[in-house]
Amino acid sequence: MPEQKRNWHTLKQKEHRKKPTTKGAHRKTKAPPSQVELNADEGIRAAYYVTWDAASFVSLQEYYPQIDILFPEWLHVLSPDGTLQGADSLNRLFPAVQNGVVRPVDDKVMPFLKLEKANVDVFPLINNFDPGEKVWINIGDFLKDAGARQAFRTQLVAFLASDHFKGAALDLEEIPLDAQPGFRALVKDLGEDLHAHGLKLYLNVPVSDKDYDYAALAADSDGLVIMNYDQHQTTSPPVPSLPRIGSPPICNKPSKTFRNRRSSAPSAITAMTGLSPPRAAGCSGLIRTTFRRRGFTRVNLNPMCRSILTP
């Protein structure tokens, strides 16, 4: 009998992904997000991204059209010598810049945004949190060492030059009081370094802490990220999230730090419900807070809740 012919053909491997949510209506122009003057007539929406939660990338895939600025938690400074470190999928640390060569810290975000031709400006975030040990590291010795600060700045500038980044977000927490002068010196010098390369610097700062010179930090950076958590962490008791999203004490009076802001709890900051939480398991959902008049909207791709202001 003649051999039976079968209508076989090669299967095309094609990813089937839900169509992303359409772009939000908060933008009035097509200017690059990082070039928009904050606290002006056009709102800018920022989001955090983490590598340790797979749902974070799923959320980014679904909601990137609604995001203007992305803060990926990629980098860490943990040692007294100021070494800039990345972490792999198992939270094992490695030098982000070794012998002048930049090592990749993430292989998904930038290729995805480029493939989608997304109008999202990326600002890698640097903190002093050890992702392996899950603890904040005391970096007082690093901040007090001018040579270590210089080494850190050199490595960070090299890292930012490795891709189409628009600047950096510095999230150094639990800074000892005697290291505050070093922190201010780092911010001033790093701001000058980044500005010389056409880049911007954002700073994460506590809501109201007398140890922080907010006016000086605002003057030497391009924006302050106010860590006004409106829910709770595992180390703190739960509190009502909506009745008191309220303004931090530092915003209760006008100052040079936050331009033209006199706010009280419900009048200046209000909860918005324009985004649905992602369906991916393990993700806490998107939480959006906006300043009613003008300013920055933040969307979280992880449980951390922060707001952004500018000098």
Protein backbone atom coordinates (compact mmCIF):
# COMPACT_ATOMS: atom_id res chain seq x y z
CA MET A 1 0.00 0.00 0.00
CA PRO A 2 1.19 3.50 -0.75
CA GLU A 3 2.46 5.49 2.23
CA GLN A 4 -0.25 7.65 3.71
CA LYS A 5 0.54 11.38 3.59
CA ARG A 6 -0.20 13.32 6.70
CA ASN A 7 -0.87 17.00 6.75
CA TRP A 8 1.73 17.88 9.33
CA HIS A 9 3.17 21.35 9.77
CA THR A 10 5.46 23.13 12.18
CA LEU A 11 3.72 24.76 15.09
CA LYS A 12 4.50 28.42 15.55
CA GLN A 13 5.52 29.28 19.06
CA LYS A 14 3.73 32.49 19.85
CA GLU A 15 3.05 33.97 23.22
CA HIS A 16 -0.60 34.69 23.83
CA ARG A 17 -0.91 37.49 26.31
CA LYS A 18 -3.87 39.55 27.32
CA LYS A 19 -3.96 42.92 25.63
CA PRO A 20 -2.59 45.53 28.06
CA THR A 21 -4.86 48.08 29.62
CA THR A 22 -5.02 51.24 27.54
CA LYS A 23 -3.03 54.32 28.40
CA GLY A 24 -4.45 56.41 31.19
CA ALA A 25 -5.91 59.84 30.56
CA HIS A 26 -3.69 61.58 33.12
CA ARG A 27 -1.12 62.64 30.50
CA LYS A 28 -1.75 65.77 28.45
CA THR A 29 1.36 65.68 26.28
CA LYS A 30 3.63 63.10 24.68
CA ALA A 31 6.76 64.49 26.31
CA PRO A 32 9.08 61.92 27.94
CA PRO A 33 7.85 61.41 31.52
CA SER A 34 11.20 62.33 33.06
CA GLN A 35 11.12 65.68 31.25
CA VAL A 36 7.73 66.71 32.63
CA GLU A 37 7.86 69.33 35.37
CA LEU A 38 6.41 67.72 38.44
CA ASN A 39 3.71 69.44 40.49
CA ALA A 40 2.72 71.31 37.35
CA ASP A 41 -0.32 70.85 35.13
CA GLU A 42 0.41 67.27 34.04
CA GLY A 43 0.33 64.27 36.34
CA ILE A 44 3.04 61.61 36.20
CA ARG A 45 2.48 58.05 37.38
CA ALA A 46 5.34 56.04 38.89
CA ALA A 47 5.59 52.35 39.82
CA TYR A 48 7.93 50.05 41.72
CA TYR A 49 9.17 46.75 40.32
CA VAL A 50 10.83 43.90 42.21
CA THR A 51 12.65 40.82 40.97
CA TRP A 52 11.76 38.60 43.94
CA ASP A 53 8.03 38.39 43.10
CA ALA A 54 7.05 36.88 39.74
CA ALA A 55 3.71 38.69 39.95
CA SER A 56 5.56 41.99 39.66
CA PHE A 57 6.57 41.29 36.06
CA VAL A 58 3.09 40.00 35.27
CA SER A 59 1.68 43.28 36.57
CA LEU A 60 4.18 45.25 34.52
CA GLN A 61 3.18 43.39 31.37
CA GLU A 62 -0.47 44.20 31.96
CA TYR A 63 -0.24 47.76 33.23
CA TYR A 64 2.82 49.29 31.55
CA PRO A 65 0.68 51.56 29.30
CA GLN A 66 -0.51 53.31 32.46
CA ILE A 67 2.98 53.76 33.91
CA ASP A 68 5.27 56.72 33.18
CA ILE A 69 8.26 56.08 35.45
CA LEU A 70 9.47 52.71 36.70
CA PHE A 71 11.64 52.23 39.80
CA PRO A 72 13.06 48.67 39.62
CA GLU A 73 14.69 47.44 42.82
CA TRP A 74 17.87 46.14 41.22
CA LEU A 75 20.86 47.51 43.13
CA HIS A 76 22.22 47.47 46.67
CA VAL A 77 25.05 49.12 48.61
CA LEU A 78 25.83 47.08 51.72
CA SER A 79 29.55 47.18 52.39
CA PRO A 80 31.79 49.93 53.86
CA ASP A 81 33.72 50.19 50.57
CA GLY A 82 30.62 51.26 48.61
CA THR A 83 30.49 48.29 46.24
CA LEU A 84 27.40 48.40 44.02
CA GLN A 85 25.74 44.98 44.03
CA GLY A 86 22.98 43.19 42.18
CA ALA A 87 21.15 40.01 43.17
CA ASP A 88 20.18 36.95 41.15
CA SER A 89 16.85 35.10 41.26
CA LEU A 90 17.98 33.33 44.45
CA ASN A 91 18.93 36.66 46.06
CA ARG A 92 22.63 35.87 45.83
CA LEU A 93 24.62 39.10 45.67
CA PHE A 94 27.24 39.89 43.04
CA PRO A 95 29.17 43.03 41.98
CA ALA A 96 27.09 45.02 39.49
CA VAL A 97 30.26 46.57 38.06
CA GLN A 98 33.41 44.45 38.07
CA ASN A 99 36.73 45.71 36.72
CA GLY A 100 34.86 48.47 34.92
CA VAL A 101 32.49 46.00 33.23
CA VAL A 102 28.75 46.25 33.97
CA ARG A 103 27.06 42.94 34.72
CA PRO A 104 23.35 42.48 33.90
CA VAL A 105 21.04 42.49 36.91
CA ASP A 106 17.77 41.75 35.08
CA ASP A 107 17.06 40.23 31.67
CA LYS A 108 13.33 40.93 31.39
CA VAL A 109 12.29 44.52 32.05
CA MET A 110 14.33 46.53 29.56
CA PRO A 111 13.94 44.03 26.65
CA PHE A 112 10.19 43.93 27.30
CA LEU A 113 9.78 47.71 27.39
CA LYS A 114 11.84 48.08 24.22
CA LEU A 115 9.84 45.36 22.45
CA GLU A 116 6.59 47.08 23.37
CA LYS A 117 8.01 50.52 22.52
CA ALA A 118 6.70 51.61 25.88
CA ASN A 119 6.89 55.26 26.85
CA VAL A 120 8.25 54.37 30.29
CA ASP A 121 11.35 55.98 31.78
CA VAL A 122 13.37 53.63 34.00
CA PHE A 123 15.19 54.78 37.14
CA PRO A 124 17.04 51.87 38.82
CA LEU A 125 16.60 51.93 42.59
CA ILE A 126 19.54 51.50 44.98
CA ASN A 127 18.97 50.58 48.60
CA ASN A 128 20.83 49.18 51.61
CA PHE A 129 18.55 46.19 52.03
CA ASP A 130 20.17 42.74 51.95
CA PRO A 131 17.72 40.61 49.90
CA GLY A 132 19.31 37.38 51.06
CA GLU A 133 19.27 38.05 54.79
CA LYS A 134 16.11 40.21 54.57
CA VAL A 135 17.60 42.96 56.74
CA TRP A 136 18.53 46.62 56.37
CA ILE A 137 22.28 47.06 56.64
CA ASN A 138 23.91 49.83 58.67
CA ILE A 139 25.86 51.82 56.07
CA GLY A 140 27.19 54.49 58.41
CA ASP A 141 30.83 53.58 57.69
CA PHE A 142 30.20 53.80 53.93
CA LEU A 143 28.55 57.21 54.15
CA LYS A 144 31.32 58.62 56.36
CA ASP A 145 34.06 57.49 53.93
CA ALA A 146 34.60 59.98 51.08
CA GLY A 147 36.60 57.42 49.09
CA ALA A 148 33.84 54.81 49.38
CA ARG A 149 31.24 57.37 48.31
CA GLN A 150 33.35 58.23 45.27
CA ALA A 151 33.72 54.54 44.34
CA PHE A 152 29.97 54.06 44.63
CA ARG A 153 29.24 57.08 42.45
CA THR A 154 31.68 55.91 39.79
CA GLN A 155 30.12 52.45 39.65
CA LEU A 156 26.58 53.83 39.53
CA VAL A 157 27.34 56.22 36.68
CA ALA A 158 28.90 53.33 34.75
CA PHE A 159 25.83 51.16 35.39
CA LEU A 160 23.41 53.86 34.24
CA ALA A 161 25.40 54.29 31.04
CA SER A 162 24.89 50.61 30.18
CA ASP A 163 21.29 51.09 28.98
CA HIS A 164 18.68 53.74 28.29
CA PHE A 165 18.15 54.68 31.90
CA LYS A 166 16.99 58.18 32.81
CA GLY A 167 18.60 58.40 36.22
CA ALA A 168 18.50 56.68 39.60
CA ALA A 169 16.40 56.44 42.77
CA LEU A 170 18.34 56.33 46.03
CA ASP A 171 16.60 54.53 48.90
CA LEU A 172 19.04 54.50 51.84
CA GLU A 173 17.26 53.86 55.12
CA GLU A 174 18.02 53.67 58.85
CA ILE A 175 20.92 56.09 58.45
CA PRO A 176 22.79 56.73 61.72
CA LEU A 177 22.70 60.33 62.92
CA ASP A 178 26.48 60.74 62.71
CA ALA A 179 26.35 59.60 59.05
CA GLN A 180 23.79 62.22 57.97
CA PRO A 181 26.50 64.70 56.83
CA GLY A 182 27.97 61.95 54.65
CA PHE A 183 24.55 61.16 53.26
CA ARG A 184 23.97 64.79 52.33
CA ALA A 185 27.44 64.92 50.74
CA LEU A 186 26.66 61.79 48.73
CA VAL A 187 23.36 63.23 47.49
CA LYS A 188 25.00 66.52 46.50
CA ASP A 189 27.89 64.89 44.64
CA LEU A 190 25.76 62.18 43.04
CA GLY A 191 23.24 64.76 41.89
CA GLU A 192 26.02 66.70 40.20
CA ASP A 193 27.37 63.52 38.60
CA LEU A 194 24.01 62.53 37.16
CA HIS A 195 23.08 66.01 36.02
CA ALA A 196 26.38 66.21 34.14
CA HIS A 197 25.22 63.18 32.14
CA GLY A 198 21.69 64.45 31.58
CA LEU A 199 20.25 62.14 34.23
CA LYS A 200 18.02 62.74 37.24
CA LEU A 201 18.13 61.71 40.89
CA TYR A 202 15.17 60.86 43.13
CA LEU A 203 15.49 60.25 46.87
CA ASN A 204 13.40 58.07 49.16
CA VAL A 205 12.99 59.78 52.53
CA PRO A 206 10.90 59.15 55.67
CA VAL A 207 7.70 61.11 56.21
CA SER A 208 8.86 63.44 58.98
CA ASP A 209 12.25 62.91 60.56
CA LYS A 210 14.14 65.74 62.25
CA ASP A 211 17.44 64.11 61.32
CA TYR A 212 16.82 64.77 57.61
CA ASP A 213 17.51 68.16 56.04
CA TYR A 214 14.63 67.99 53.56
CA ALA A 215 15.30 71.40 52.03
CA ALA A 216 18.93 70.58 51.28
CA LEU A 217 18.11 67.13 49.94
CA ALA A 218 15.40 68.55 47.70
CA ALA A 219 17.75 71.23 46.39
CA ASP A 220 20.39 68.65 45.42
CA SER A 221 17.98 66.17 43.79
CA ASP A 222 15.11 66.16 41.32
CA GLY A 223 12.42 64.82 43.63
CA LEU A 224 11.70 63.36 47.06
CA VAL A 225 9.87 60.05 47.39
CA ILE A 226 7.93 60.35 50.64
CA MET A 227 7.52 56.95 52.30
CA ASN A 228 4.03 57.53 53.70
CA TYR A 229 2.93 53.92 53.98
CA ASP A 230 -0.84 53.82 54.16
CA GLN A 231 -1.19 50.15 55.09
CA HIS A 232 1.27 48.18 57.21
CA GLN A 233 4.29 45.92 57.16
CA THR A 234 4.92 42.59 58.83
CA THR A 235 6.80 44.45 61.57
CA SER A 236 3.97 46.86 62.39
CA PRO A 237 0.31 46.48 63.40
CA PRO A 238 -2.39 47.04 60.76
CA VAL A 239 -3.98 50.47 60.53
CA PRO A 240 -6.95 51.78 58.51
CA SER A 241 -5.73 52.31 54.95
CA LEU A 242 -8.42 54.58 53.54
CA PRO A 243 -9.68 56.73 56.45
CA ARG A 244 -6.21 58.12 56.98
CA ILE A 245 -4.21 58.07 53.79
CA GLY A 246 -3.52 61.55 55.09
CA SER A 247 -0.76 63.99 54.59
CA PRO A 248 2.49 63.53 56.46
CA PRO A 249 3.25 66.19 59.09
CA ILE A 250 5.98 67.65 56.92
CA CYS A 251 3.37 68.68 54.35
CA ASN A 252 1.19 70.59 56.80
CA LYS A 253 2.88 73.90 56.15
CA PRO A 254 4.43 75.52 53.08
CA SER A 255 8.18 75.08 52.72
CA LYS A 256 10.88 75.25 50.11
CA THR A 257 11.02 71.47 50.19
CA PHE A 258 7.54 70.96 48.79
CA ARG A 259 6.43 73.82 46.63
CA ASN A 260 3.04 75.38 47.32
CA ARG A 261 1.77 72.57 49.53
CA ARG A 262 -0.44 73.22 52.53
CA SER A 263 -2.45 70.07 53.04
CA SER A 264 -4.71 68.30 55.47
CA ALA A 265 -5.69 64.68 55.31
CA PRO A 266 -8.69 64.34 53.03
CA SER A 267 -8.34 67.58 51.06
CA ALA A 268 -4.94 67.13 49.46
CA ILE A 269 -4.58 63.36 49.24
CA THR A 270 -7.40 61.12 48.16
CA ALA A 271 -7.79 57.46 47.23
CA MET A 272 -8.47 56.71 43.59
CA THR A 273 -9.90 53.51 42.11
CA GLY A 274 -8.92 53.75 38.47
CA LEU A 275 -6.90 50.53 38.36
CA SER A 276 -8.00 46.99 38.95
CA PRO A 277 -5.64 44.75 40.93
CA PRO A 278 -3.68 42.25 38.83
CA ARG A 279 -4.99 38.73 38.81
CA ALA A 280 -1.65 37.05 39.37
CA ALA A 281 -1.47 34.99 42.52
CA GLY A 282 0.70 36.31 45.29
CA CYS A 283 0.48 39.95 44.28
CA SER A 284 -1.00 42.39 46.73
CA GLY A 285 -2.60 44.39 43.95
CA LEU A 286 -2.14 47.88 42.63
CA ILE A 287 -2.79 50.67 45.05
CA ARG A 288 -2.98 54.17 43.65
CA THR A 289 -2.90 57.44 45.51
CA THR A 290 -2.90 60.83 43.86
CA PHE A 291 -2.62 64.40 44.99
CA ARG A 292 -5.99 65.88 44.14
CA ARG A 293 -4.68 69.16 42.78
CA ARG A 294 -1.41 68.33 41.09
CA GLY A 295 1.62 66.14 41.42
CA PHE A 296 2.73 62.56 41.23
CA THR A 297 0.63 59.42 41.16
CA ARG A 298 2.28 56.24 42.28
CA VAL A 299 1.33 52.72 41.28
CA ASN A 300 2.92 49.84 43.15
CA LEU A 301 3.86 46.57 41.52
CA ASN A 302 4.76 45.30 44.98
CA PRO A 303 3.28 45.79 48.45
CA MET A 304 5.32 48.91 49.25
CA CYS A 305 3.25 52.10 49.17
CA ARG A 306 4.95 55.42 48.58
CA SER A 307 4.14 58.86 47.28
CA ILE A 308 6.34 61.22 45.33
CA LEU A 309 6.85 64.92 45.71
CA THR A 310 9.33 67.34 44.21
CA PRO A 311 11.14 70.41 45.43
